[in-house]
Amino acid sequence: MQTGGRRVATRYLTLLGRPNELGRDRLGIIASRKLGGAVVRNRAKRRIREVFRRAAAAPAPEGFDLVVIPRRDLVDAPFAALTADFDSARRRLPRAGPARRPS
């Protein structure tokens, strides 16, 4: 994902994406221990999956392999704000610059 991918950072999440040949989006989630305990990480992942399901109903011109890295504020954020944040990041993804590998 780091090679040839694109990165968009928002208030509640960081979205990494790379075009795929499937014509639909696929989702991966990275929730590290820095986010919180198991309960907090699982809640964040459930919320991200639900946002993705709702966003996947709208057809996209090209498919992306998406990796979401949640931020701490995501867990307590209102669902509508989280949805708007994800949609905004997803729309900006095709225009975003390349993802940088950490040094």
PDB file of N, CA and C in Angstrom:
ATOM      1  N   MET A   1       0.828  -1.186   0.000  1.00  0.00           N
ATOM      2  CA  MET A   1       0.000   0.000   0.000  1.00  0.00           C
ATOM      3  C   MET A   1       0.875   1.254   0.000  1.00  0.00           C
ATOM      4  N   GLN A   2       2.023   1.144   0.659  1.00  0.00           N
ATOM      5  CA  GLN A   2       2.881   2.311   0.728  1.00  0.00           C
ATOM      6  C   GLN A   2       3.469   2.644  -0.636  1.00  0.00           C
ATOM      7  N   THR A   3       3.686   1.639  -1.478  1.00  0.00           N
ATOM      8  CA  THR A   3       4.243   1.906  -2.804  1.00  0.00           C
ATOM      9  C   THR A   3       3.105   2.067  -3.800  1.00  0.00           C
ATOM     10  N   GLY A   4       3.075   3.183  -4.468  1.00  0.00           N
ATOM     11  CA  GLY A   4       2.046   3.434  -5.463  1.00  0.00           C
ATOM     12  C   GLY A   4       0.718   3.822  -4.870  1.00  0.00           C
ATOM     13  N   GLY A   5       0.648   3.959  -3.564  1.00  0.00           N
ATOM     14  CA  GLY A   5      -0.599   4.334  -2.903  1.00  0.00           C
ATOM     15  C   GLY A   5      -0.670   5.825  -2.650  1.00  0.00           C
ATOM     16  N   ARG A   6      -1.813   6.239  -2.176  1.00  0.00           N
ATOM     17  CA  ARG A   6      -2.040   7.651  -1.848  1.00  0.00           C
ATOM     18  C   ARG A   6      -2.532   7.737  -0.417  1.00  0.00           C
ATOM     19  N   ARG A   7      -2.280   8.874   0.230  1.00  0.00           N
ATOM     20  CA  ARG A   7      -2.619   9.051   1.638  1.00  0.00           C
ATOM     21  C   ARG A   7      -3.397  10.347   1.828  1.00  0.00           C
ATOM     22  N   VAL A   8      -4.472  10.251   2.608  1.00  0.00           N
ATOM     23  CA  VAL A   8      -5.256  11.424   2.980  1.00  0.00           C
ATOM     24  C   VAL A   8      -5.468  11.366   4.487  1.00  0.00           C
ATOM     25  N   ALA A   9      -5.105  12.424   5.200  1.00  0.00           N
ATOM     26  CA  ALA A   9      -5.294  12.496   6.646  1.00  0.00           C
ATOM     27  C   ALA A   9      -6.441  13.449   6.947  1.00  0.00           C
ATOM     28  N   THR A  10      -7.336  13.019   7.845  1.00  0.00           N
ATOM     29  CA  THR A  10      -8.457  13.846   8.263  1.00  0.00           C
ATOM     30  C   THR A  10      -8.487  13.882   9.786  1.00  0.00           C
ATOM     31  N   ARG A  11      -9.505  14.500  10.339  1.00  0.00           N
ATOM     32  CA  ARG A  11      -9.588  14.643  11.784  1.00  0.00           C
ATOM     33  C   ARG A  11      -9.722  13.303  12.502  1.00  0.00           C
ATOM     34  N   TYR A  12     -10.494  12.389  11.933  1.00  0.00           N
ATOM     35  CA  TYR A  12     -10.789  11.139  12.612  1.00  0.00           C
ATOM     36  C   TYR A  12     -10.027   9.928  12.097  1.00  0.00           C
ATOM     37  N   LEU A  13      -9.397  10.040  10.923  1.00  0.00           N
ATOM     38  CA  LEU A  13      -8.733   8.866  10.366  1.00  0.00           C
ATOM     39  C   LEU A  13      -7.701   9.261   9.327  1.00  0.00           C
ATOM     40  N   THR A  14      -6.835   8.310   9.024  1.00  0.00           N
ATOM     41  CA  THR A  14      -5.915   8.423   7.899  1.00  0.00           C
ATOM     42  C   THR A  14      -6.319   7.343   6.912  1.00  0.00           C
ATOM     43  N   LEU A  15      -6.456   7.735   5.652  1.00  0.00           N
ATOM     44  CA  LEU A  15      -6.907   6.813   4.617  1.00  0.00           C
ATOM     45  C   LEU A  15      -5.795   6.613   3.600  1.00  0.00           C
ATOM     46  N   LEU A  16      -5.389   5.367   3.429  1.00  0.00           N
ATOM     47  CA  LEU A  16      -4.421   5.002   2.406  1.00  0.00           C
ATOM     48  C   LEU A  16      -5.183   4.281   1.311  1.00  0.00           C
ATOM     49  N   GLY A  17      -4.852   4.566   0.067  1.00  0.00           N
ATOM     50  CA  GLY A  17      -5.568   3.902  -1.012  1.00  0.00           C
ATOM     51  C   GLY A  17      -4.706   3.702  -2.237  1.00  0.00           C
ATOM     52  N   ARG A  18      -5.035   2.665  -2.975  1.00  0.00           N
ATOM     53  CA  ARG A  18      -4.351   2.373  -4.227  1.00  0.00           C
ATOM     54  C   ARG A  18      -5.403   1.807  -5.175  1.00  0.00           C
ATOM     55  N   PRO A  19      -5.428   2.264  -6.424  1.00  0.00           N
ATOM     56  CA  PRO A  19      -6.420   1.738  -7.374  1.00  0.00           C
ATOM     57  C   PRO A  19      -6.253   0.227  -7.561  1.00  0.00           C
ATOM     58  N   ASN A  20      -7.374  -0.441  -7.741  1.00  0.00           N
ATOM     59  CA  ASN A  20      -7.334  -1.867  -8.043  1.00  0.00           C
ATOM     60  C   ASN A  20      -8.079  -2.125  -9.348  1.00  0.00           C
ATOM     61  N   GLU A  21      -8.003  -3.325  -9.834  1.00  0.00           N
ATOM     62  CA  GLU A  21      -8.614  -3.691 -11.111  1.00  0.00           C
ATOM     63  C   GLU A  21     -10.009  -4.287 -10.939  1.00  0.00           C
ATOM     64  N   LEU A  22     -10.535  -4.304  -9.714  1.00  0.00           N
ATOM     65  CA  LEU A  22     -11.802  -4.965  -9.450  1.00  0.00           C
ATOM     66  C   LEU A  22     -13.022  -4.101  -9.775  1.00  0.00           C
ATOM     67  N   GLY A  23     -12.835  -2.789  -9.800  1.00  0.00           N
ATOM     68  CA  GLY A  23     -13.965  -1.902 -10.040  1.00  0.00           C
ATOM     69  C   GLY A  23     -14.817  -1.669  -8.803  1.00  0.00           C
ATOM     70  N   ARG A  24     -14.346  -2.104  -7.645  1.00  0.00           N
ATOM     71  CA  ARG A  24     -15.036  -1.861  -6.380  1.00  0.00           C
ATOM     72  C   ARG A  24     -13.982  -1.655  -5.292  1.00  0.00           C
ATOM     73  N   ASP A  25     -14.400  -1.057  -4.191  1.00  0.00           N
ATOM     74  CA  ASP A  25     -13.486  -0.801  -3.088  1.00  0.00           C
ATOM     75  C   ASP A  25     -13.360  -2.017  -2.181  1.00  0.00           C
ATOM     76  N   ARG A  26     -12.157  -2.184  -1.602  1.00  0.00           N
ATOM     77  CA  ARG A  26     -11.924  -3.178  -0.561  1.00  0.00           C
ATOM     78  C   ARG A  26     -11.368  -2.448   0.647  1.00  0.00           C
ATOM     79  N   LEU A  27     -11.634  -2.965   1.844  1.00  0.00           N
ATOM     80  CA  LEU A  27     -11.285  -2.274   3.083  1.00  0.00           C
ATOM     81  C   LEU A  27     -10.344  -3.098   3.942  1.00  0.00           C
ATOM     82  N   GLY A  28      -9.361  -2.419   4.512  1.00  0.00           N
ATOM     83  CA  GLY A  28      -8.491  -2.977   5.537  1.00  0.00           C
ATOM     84  C   GLY A  28      -8.411  -1.957   6.662  1.00  0.00           C
ATOM     85  N   ILE A  29      -8.262  -2.400   7.888  1.00  0.00           N
ATOM     86  CA  ILE A  29      -8.230  -1.499   9.042  1.00  0.00           C
ATOM     87  C   ILE A  29      -7.004  -1.831   9.883  1.00  0.00           C
ATOM     88  N   ILE A  30      -6.273  -0.793  10.276  1.00  0.00           N
ATOM     89  CA  ILE A  30      -5.136  -0.950  11.174  1.00  0.00           C
ATOM     90  C   ILE A  30      -5.461  -0.187  12.453  1.00  0.00           C
ATOM     91  N   ALA A  31      -5.733  -0.904  13.524  1.00  0.00           N
ATOM     92  CA  ALA A  31      -6.044  -0.287  14.811  1.00  0.00           C
ATOM     93  C   ALA A  31      -4.998  -0.772  15.810  1.00  0.00           C
ATOM     94  N   SER A  32      -4.000   0.054  16.063  1.00  0.00           N
ATOM     95  CA  SER A  32      -2.914  -0.360  16.949  1.00  0.00           C
ATOM     96  C   SER A  32      -3.296  -0.152  18.409  1.00  0.00           C
ATOM     97  N   ARG A  33      -2.469  -0.641  19.288  1.00  0.00           N
ATOM     98  CA  ARG A  33      -2.716  -0.488  20.725  1.00  0.00           C
ATOM     99  C   ARG A  33      -2.650   0.959  21.173  1.00  0.00           C
ATOM    100  N   LYS A  34      -2.020   1.807  20.381  1.00  0.00           N
ATOM    101  CA  LYS A  34      -1.982   3.230  20.731  1.00  0.00           C
ATOM    102  C   LYS A  34      -3.387   3.819  20.769  1.00  0.00           C
ATOM    103  N   LEU A  35      -4.305   3.203  20.040  1.00  0.00           N
ATOM    104  CA  LEU A  35      -5.688   3.671  19.999  1.00  0.00           C
ATOM    105  C   LEU A  35      -6.386   3.421  21.330  1.00  0.00           C
ATOM    106  N   GLY A  36      -6.064   2.307  21.987  1.00  0.00           N
ATOM    107  CA  GLY A  36      -6.685   1.963  23.265  1.00  0.00           C
ATOM    108  C   GLY A  36      -6.702   0.460  23.438  1.00  0.00           C
ATOM    109  N   GLY A  37      -7.469   0.024  24.439  1.00  0.00           N
ATOM    110  CA  GLY A  37      -7.586  -1.404  24.711  1.00  0.00           C
ATOM    111  C   GLY A  37      -8.397  -2.108  23.633  1.00  0.00           C
ATOM    112  N   ALA A  38      -8.601  -3.406  23.829  1.00  0.00           N
ATOM    113  CA  ALA A  38      -9.292  -4.214  22.828  1.00  0.00           C
ATOM    114  C   ALA A  38     -10.713  -3.723  22.579  1.00  0.00           C
ATOM    115  N   VAL A  39     -11.401  -3.314  23.629  1.00  0.00           N
ATOM    116  CA  VAL A  39     -12.776  -2.839  23.475  1.00  0.00           C
ATOM    117  C   VAL A  39     -12.819  -1.592  22.597  1.00  0.00           C
ATOM    118  N   VAL A  40     -11.903  -0.675  22.831  1.00  0.00           N
ATOM    119  CA  VAL A  40     -11.849   0.572  22.059  1.00  0.00           C
ATOM    120  C   VAL A  40     -11.475   0.278  20.611  1.00  0.00           C
ATOM    121  N   ARG A  41     -10.488  -0.586  20.396  1.00  0.00           N
ATOM    122  CA  ARG A  41     -10.072  -0.917  19.028  1.00  0.00           C
ATOM    123  C   ARG A  41     -11.195  -1.595  18.253  1.00  0.00           C
ATOM    124  N   ASN A  42     -11.893  -2.518  18.899  1.00  0.00           N
ATOM    125  CA  ASN A  42     -12.992  -3.200  18.220  1.00  0.00           C
ATOM    126  C   ASN A  42     -14.143  -2.249  17.916  1.00  0.00           C
ATOM    127  N   ARG A  43     -14.432  -1.330  18.813  1.00  0.00           N
ATOM    128  CA  ARG A  43     -15.487  -0.342  18.548  1.00  0.00           C
ATOM    129  C   ARG A  43     -15.110   0.519  17.355  1.00  0.00           C
ATOM    130  N   ALA A  44     -13.859   0.954  17.301  1.00  0.00           N
ATOM    131  CA  ALA A  44     -13.391   1.766  16.169  1.00  0.00           C
ATOM    132  C   ALA A  44     -13.529   0.989  14.861  1.00  0.00           C
ATOM    133  N   LYS A  45     -13.151  -0.280  14.868  1.00  0.00           N
ATOM    134  CA  LYS A  45     -13.237  -1.090  13.648  1.00  0.00           C
ATOM    135  C   LYS A  45     -14.690  -1.308  13.221  1.00  0.00           C
ATOM    136  N   ARG A  46     -15.581  -1.538  14.185  1.00  0.00           N
ATOM    137  CA  ARG A  46     -17.013  -1.703  13.849  1.00  0.00           C
ATOM    138  C   ARG A  46     -17.566  -0.440  13.212  1.00  0.00           C
ATOM    139  N   ARG A  47     -17.201   0.711  13.769  1.00  0.00           N
ATOM    140  CA  ARG A  47     -17.698   1.982  13.231  1.00  0.00           C
ATOM    141  C   ARG A  47     -17.164   2.223  11.817  1.00  0.00           C
ATOM    142  N   ILE A  48     -15.899   1.919  11.591  1.00  0.00           N
ATOM    143  CA  ILE A  48     -15.309   2.106  10.261  1.00  0.00           C
ATOM    144  C   ILE A  48     -15.971   1.175   9.248  1.00  0.00           C
ATOM    145  N   ARG A  49     -16.184  -0.076   9.634  1.00  0.00           N
ATOM    146  CA  ARG A  49     -16.830  -1.018   8.710  1.00  0.00           C
ATOM    147  C   ARG A  49     -18.237  -0.559   8.342  1.00  0.00           C
ATOM    148  N   GLU A  50     -18.984  -0.011   9.303  1.00  0.00           N
ATOM    149  CA  GLU A  50     -20.339   0.465   9.010  1.00  0.00           C
ATOM    150  C   GLU A  50     -20.303   1.678   8.085  1.00  0.00           C
ATOM    151  N   VAL A  51     -19.380   2.587   8.310  1.00  0.00           N
ATOM    152  CA  VAL A  51     -19.233   3.742   7.418  1.00  0.00           C
ATOM    153  C   VAL A  51     -18.885   3.268   6.016  1.00  0.00           C
ATOM    154  N   PHE A  52     -17.989   2.295   5.916  1.00  0.00           N
ATOM    155  CA  PHE A  52     -17.594   1.756   4.613  1.00  0.00           C
ATOM    156  C   PHE A  52     -18.782   1.107   3.908  1.00  0.00           C
ATOM    157  N   ARG A  53     -19.576   0.331   4.644  1.00  0.00           N
ATOM    158  CA  ARG A  53     -20.757  -0.322   4.049  1.00  0.00           C
ATOM    159  C   ARG A  53     -21.708   0.706   3.466  1.00  0.00           C
ATOM    160  N   ARG A  54     -21.946   1.769   4.220  1.00  0.00           N
ATOM    161  CA  ARG A  54     -22.876   2.803   3.745  1.00  0.00           C
ATOM    162  C   ARG A  54     -22.301   3.562   2.558  1.00  0.00           C
ATOM    163  N   ALA A  55     -21.005   3.788   2.564  1.00  0.00           N
ATOM    164  CA  ALA A  55     -20.372   4.505   1.450  1.00  0.00           C
ATOM    165  C   ALA A  55     -20.279   3.629   0.210  1.00  0.00           C
ATOM    166  N   ALA A  56     -20.187   2.312   0.379  1.00  0.00           N
ATOM    167  CA  ALA A  56     -20.053   1.402  -0.753  1.00  0.00           C
ATOM    168  C   ALA A  56     -21.331   1.321  -1.574  1.00  0.00           C
ATOM    169  N   ALA A  57     -22.454   1.772  -1.012  1.00  0.00           N
ATOM    170  CA  ALA A  57     -23.719   1.752  -1.748  1.00  0.00           C
ATOM    171  C   ALA A  57     -23.684   2.731  -2.923  1.00  0.00           C
ATOM    172  N   ALA A  58     -22.900   3.806  -2.797  1.00  0.00           N
ATOM    173  CA  ALA A  58     -22.764   4.784  -3.888  1.00  0.00           C
ATOM    174  C   ALA A  58     -21.696   4.286  -4.857  1.00  0.00           C
ATOM    175  N   PRO A  59     -22.018   4.164  -6.140  1.00  0.00           N
ATOM    176  CA  PRO A  59     -21.033   3.651  -7.093  1.00  0.00           C
ATOM    177  C   PRO A  59     -19.850   4.605  -7.268  1.00  0.00           C
ATOM    178  N   ALA A  60     -18.668   4.039  -7.363  1.00  0.00           N
ATOM    179  CA  ALA A  60     -17.447   4.820  -7.581  1.00  0.00           C
ATOM    180  C   ALA A  60     -16.937   4.550  -8.993  1.00  0.00           C
ATOM    181  N   PRO A  61     -16.326   5.553  -9.636  1.00  0.00           N
ATOM    182  CA  PRO A  61     -15.835   5.337 -10.992  1.00  0.00           C
ATOM    183  C   PRO A  61     -14.711   4.315 -11.083  1.00  0.00           C
ATOM    184  N   GLU A  62     -13.884   4.228 -10.048  1.00  0.00           N
ATOM    185  CA  GLU A  62     -12.811   3.245 -10.043  1.00  0.00           C
ATOM    186  C   GLU A  62     -12.712   2.634  -8.654  1.00  0.00           C
ATOM    187  N   GLY A  63     -12.242   1.405  -8.580  1.00  0.00           N
ATOM    188  CA  GLY A  63     -12.126   0.736  -7.301  1.00  0.00           C
ATOM    189  C   GLY A  63     -10.800   1.040  -6.631  1.00  0.00           C
ATOM    190  N   PHE A  64     -10.810   1.056  -5.314  1.00  0.00           N
ATOM    191  CA  PHE A  64      -9.608   1.303  -4.538  1.00  0.00           C
ATOM    192  C   PHE A  64      -9.465   0.235  -3.468  1.00  0.00           C
ATOM    193  N   ASP A  65      -8.232  -0.138  -3.176  1.00  0.00           N
ATOM    194  CA  ASP A  65      -7.920  -0.906  -1.978  1.00  0.00           C
ATOM    195  C   ASP A  65      -7.662   0.146  -0.907  1.00  0.00           C
ATOM    196  N   LEU A  66      -8.487   0.158   0.131  1.00  0.00           N
ATOM    197  CA  LEU A  66      -8.409   1.186   1.163  1.00  0.00           C
ATOM    198  C   LEU A  66      -7.906   0.593   2.463  1.00  0.00           C
ATOM    199  N   VAL A  67      -7.046   1.332   3.135  1.00  0.00           N
ATOM    200  CA  VAL A  67      -6.610   0.980   4.482  1.00  0.00           C
ATOM    201  C   VAL A  67      -6.900   2.189   5.351  1.00  0.00           C
ATOM    202  N   VAL A  68      -7.661   1.970   6.424  1.00  0.00           N
ATOM    203  CA  VAL A  68      -8.033   3.046   7.339  1.00  0.00           C
ATOM    204  C   VAL A  68      -7.257   2.878   8.632  1.00  0.00           C
ATOM    205  N   ILE A  69      -6.650   3.970   9.074  1.00  0.00           N
ATOM    206  CA  ILE A  69      -5.964   4.005  10.364  1.00  0.00           C
ATOM    207  C   ILE A  69      -6.739   4.996  11.236  1.00  0.00           C
ATOM    208  N   PRO A  70      -7.499   4.502  12.224  1.00  0.00           N
ATOM    209  CA  PRO A  70      -8.318   5.404  13.043  1.00  0.00           C
ATOM    210  C   PRO A  70      -7.474   6.227  14.008  1.00  0.00           C
ATOM    211  N   ARG A  71      -7.990   7.415  14.317  1.00  0.00           N
ATOM    212  CA  ARG A  71      -7.385   8.266  15.348  1.00  0.00           C
ATOM    213  C   ARG A  71      -8.228   8.163  16.613  1.00  0.00           C
ATOM    214  N   ARG A  72      -7.718   8.601  17.720  1.00  0.00           N
ATOM    215  CA  ARG A  72      -8.416   8.458  19.003  1.00  0.00           C
ATOM    216  C   ARG A  72      -9.788   9.123  19.012  1.00  0.00           C
ATOM    217  N   ASP A  73      -9.928  10.264  18.348  1.00  0.00           N
ATOM    218  CA  ASP A  73     -11.200  10.987  18.356  1.00  0.00           C
ATOM    219  C   ASP A  73     -12.310  10.214  17.650  1.00  0.00           C
ATOM    220  N   LEU A  74     -11.962   9.252  16.816  1.00  0.00           N
ATOM    221  CA  LEU A  74     -12.961   8.505  16.054  1.00  0.00           C
ATOM    222  C   LEU A  74     -13.942   7.757  16.954  1.00  0.00           C
ATOM    223  N   VAL A  75     -13.474   7.241  18.058  1.00  0.00           N
ATOM    224  CA  VAL A  75     -14.303   6.403  18.918  1.00  0.00           C
ATOM    225  C   VAL A  75     -15.478   7.183  19.504  1.00  0.00           C
ATOM    226  N   ASP A  76     -15.267   8.443  19.860  1.00  0.00           N
ATOM    227  CA  ASP A  76     -16.311   9.249  20.493  1.00  0.00           C
ATOM    228  C   ASP A  76     -16.995  10.208  19.527  1.00  0.00           C
ATOM    229  N   ALA A  77     -16.601  10.206  18.275  1.00  0.00           N
ATOM    230  CA  ALA A  77     -17.158  11.152  17.311  1.00  0.00           C
ATOM    231  C   ALA A  77     -18.600  10.791  16.958  1.00  0.00           C
ATOM    232  N   PRO A  78     -19.437  11.795  16.692  1.00  0.00           N
ATOM    233  CA  PRO A  78     -20.789  11.495  16.203  1.00  0.00           C
ATOM    234  C   PRO A  78     -20.693  10.755  14.872  1.00  0.00           C
ATOM    235  N   PHE A  79     -21.601   9.799  14.663  1.00  0.00           N
ATOM    236  CA  PHE A  79     -21.527   8.967  13.474  1.00  0.00           C
ATOM    237  C   PHE A  79     -21.645   9.790  12.197  1.00  0.00           C
ATOM    238  N   ALA A  80     -22.466  10.824  12.215  1.00  0.00           N
ATOM    239  CA  ALA A  80     -22.631  11.672  11.024  1.00  0.00           C
ATOM    240  C   ALA A  80     -21.327  12.381  10.677  1.00  0.00           C
ATOM    241  N   ALA A  81     -20.593  12.837  11.686  1.00  0.00           N
ATOM    242  CA  ALA A  81     -19.315  13.507  11.449  1.00  0.00           C
ATOM    243  C   ALA A  81     -18.286  12.513  10.912  1.00  0.00           C
ATOM    244  N   LEU A  82     -18.309  11.311  11.431  1.00  0.00           N
ATOM    245  CA  LEU A  82     -17.392  10.269  10.968  1.00  0.00           C
ATOM    246  C   LEU A  82     -17.675   9.904   9.511  1.00  0.00           C
ATOM    247  N   THR A  83     -18.949   9.792   9.178  1.00  0.00           N
ATOM    248  CA  THR A  83     -19.345   9.490   7.802  1.00  0.00           C
ATOM    249  C   THR A  83     -18.900  10.597   6.850  1.00  0.00           C
ATOM    250  N   ALA A  84     -19.120  11.843   7.252  1.00  0.00           N
ATOM    251  CA  ALA A  84     -18.717  12.977   6.412  1.00  0.00           C
ATOM    252  C   ALA A  84     -17.201  13.008   6.244  1.00  0.00           C
ATOM    253  N   ASP A  85     -16.473  12.701   7.305  1.00  0.00           N
ATOM    254  CA  ASP A  85     -15.014  12.685   7.261  1.00  0.00           C
ATOM    255  C   ASP A  85     -14.505  11.609   6.297  1.00  0.00           C
ATOM    256  N   PHE A  86     -15.080  10.411   6.385  1.00  0.00           N
ATOM    257  CA  PHE A  86     -14.677   9.315   5.502  1.00  0.00           C
ATOM    258  C   PHE A  86     -15.010   9.650   4.043  1.00  0.00           C
ATOM    259  N   ASP A  87     -16.212  10.147   3.808  1.00  0.00           N
ATOM    260  CA  ASP A  87     -16.614  10.496   2.437  1.00  0.00           C
ATOM    261  C   ASP A  87     -15.710  11.563   1.838  1.00  0.00           C
ATOM    262  N   SER A  88     -15.358  12.549   2.656  1.00  0.00           N
ATOM    263  CA  SER A  88     -14.461  13.614   2.194  1.00  0.00           C
ATOM    264  C   SER A  88     -13.087  13.046   1.838  1.00  0.00           C
ATOM    265  N   ALA A  89     -12.565  12.180   2.696  1.00  0.00           N
ATOM    266  CA  ALA A  89     -11.248  11.574   2.436  1.00  0.00           C
ATOM    267  C   ALA A  89     -11.305  10.700   1.187  1.00  0.00           C
ATOM    268  N   ARG A  90     -12.377   9.954   1.021  1.00  0.00           N
ATOM    269  CA  ARG A  90     -12.509   9.061  -0.140  1.00  0.00           C
ATOM    270  C   ARG A  90     -12.580   9.852  -1.444  1.00  0.00           C
ATOM    271  N   ARG A  91     -13.275  10.995  -1.418  1.00  0.00           N
ATOM    272  CA  ARG A  91     -13.350  11.838  -2.616  1.00  0.00           C
ATOM    273  C   ARG A  91     -12.002  12.467  -2.952  1.00  0.00           C
ATOM    274  N   ARG A  92     -11.216  12.810  -1.929  1.00  0.00           N
ATOM    275  CA  ARG A  92      -9.917  13.444  -2.158  1.00  0.00           C
ATOM    276  C   ARG A  92      -8.833  12.449  -2.545  1.00  0.00           C
ATOM    277  N   LEU A  93      -9.061  11.171  -2.304  1.00  0.00           N
ATOM    278  CA  LEU A  93      -8.040  10.155  -2.512  1.00  0.00           C
ATOM    279  C   LEU A  93      -7.473  10.107  -3.931  1.00  0.00           C
ATOM    280  N   PRO A  94      -8.273  10.141  -5.009  1.00  0.00           N
ATOM    281  CA  PRO A  94      -7.678  10.078  -6.348  1.00  0.00           C
ATOM    282  C   PRO A  94      -6.750  11.252  -6.667  1.00  0.00           C
ATOM    283  N   ARG A  95      -6.944  12.373  -5.996  1.00  0.00           N
ATOM    284  CA  ARG A  95      -6.112  13.549  -6.263  1.00  0.00           C
ATOM    285  C   ARG A  95      -4.938  13.672  -5.293  1.00  0.00           C
ATOM    286  N   ALA A  96      -4.909  12.831  -4.255  1.00  0.00           N
ATOM    287  CA  ALA A  96      -3.888  12.945  -3.214  1.00  0.00           C
ATOM    288  C   ALA A  96      -2.514  12.545  -3.755  1.00  0.00           C
ATOM    289  N   GLY A  97      -1.499  13.050  -3.074  1.00  0.00           N
ATOM    290  CA  GLY A  97      -0.130  12.696  -3.442  1.00  0.00           C
ATOM    291  C   GLY A  97       0.221  11.293  -2.987  1.00  0.00           C
ATOM    292  N   PRO A  98       1.373  10.814  -3.379  1.00  0.00           N
ATOM    293  CA  PRO A  98       1.778   9.446  -3.013  1.00  0.00           C
ATOM    294  C   PRO A  98       2.005   9.311  -1.523  1.00  0.00           C
ATOM    295  N   ALA A  99       1.745   8.124  -1.015  1.00  0.00           N
ATOM    296  CA  ALA A  99       2.020   7.826   0.388  1.00  0.00           C
ATOM    297  C   ALA A  99       3.523   7.724   0.571  1.00  0.00           C
ATOM    298  N   ARG A 100       3.998   8.217   1.699  1.00  0.00           N
ATOM    299  CA  ARG A 100       5.437   8.162   1.967  1.00  0.00           C
ATOM    300  C   ARG A 100       5.732   7.045   2.920  1.00  0.00           C
ATOM    301  N   ARG A 101       6.811   6.349   2.653  1.00  0.00           N
ATOM    302  CA  ARG A 101       7.259   5.290   3.559  1.00  0.00           C
ATOM    303  C   ARG A 101       7.938   5.916   4.752  1.00  0.00           C
ATOM    304  N   PRO A 102       7.670   5.437   5.976  1.00  0.00           N
ATOM    305  CA  PRO A 102       8.372   5.969   7.132  1.00  0.00           C
ATOM    306  C   PRO A 102       9.851   5.623   7.067  1.00  0.00           C
ATOM    307  N   SER A 103      10.682   6.548   7.524  1.00  0.00           N
ATOM    308  CA  SER A 103      12.133   6.331   7.485  1.00  0.00           C
ATOM    309  C   SER A 103      12.612   5.602   8.701  1.00  0.00           C
TER     310      SER A 103
END
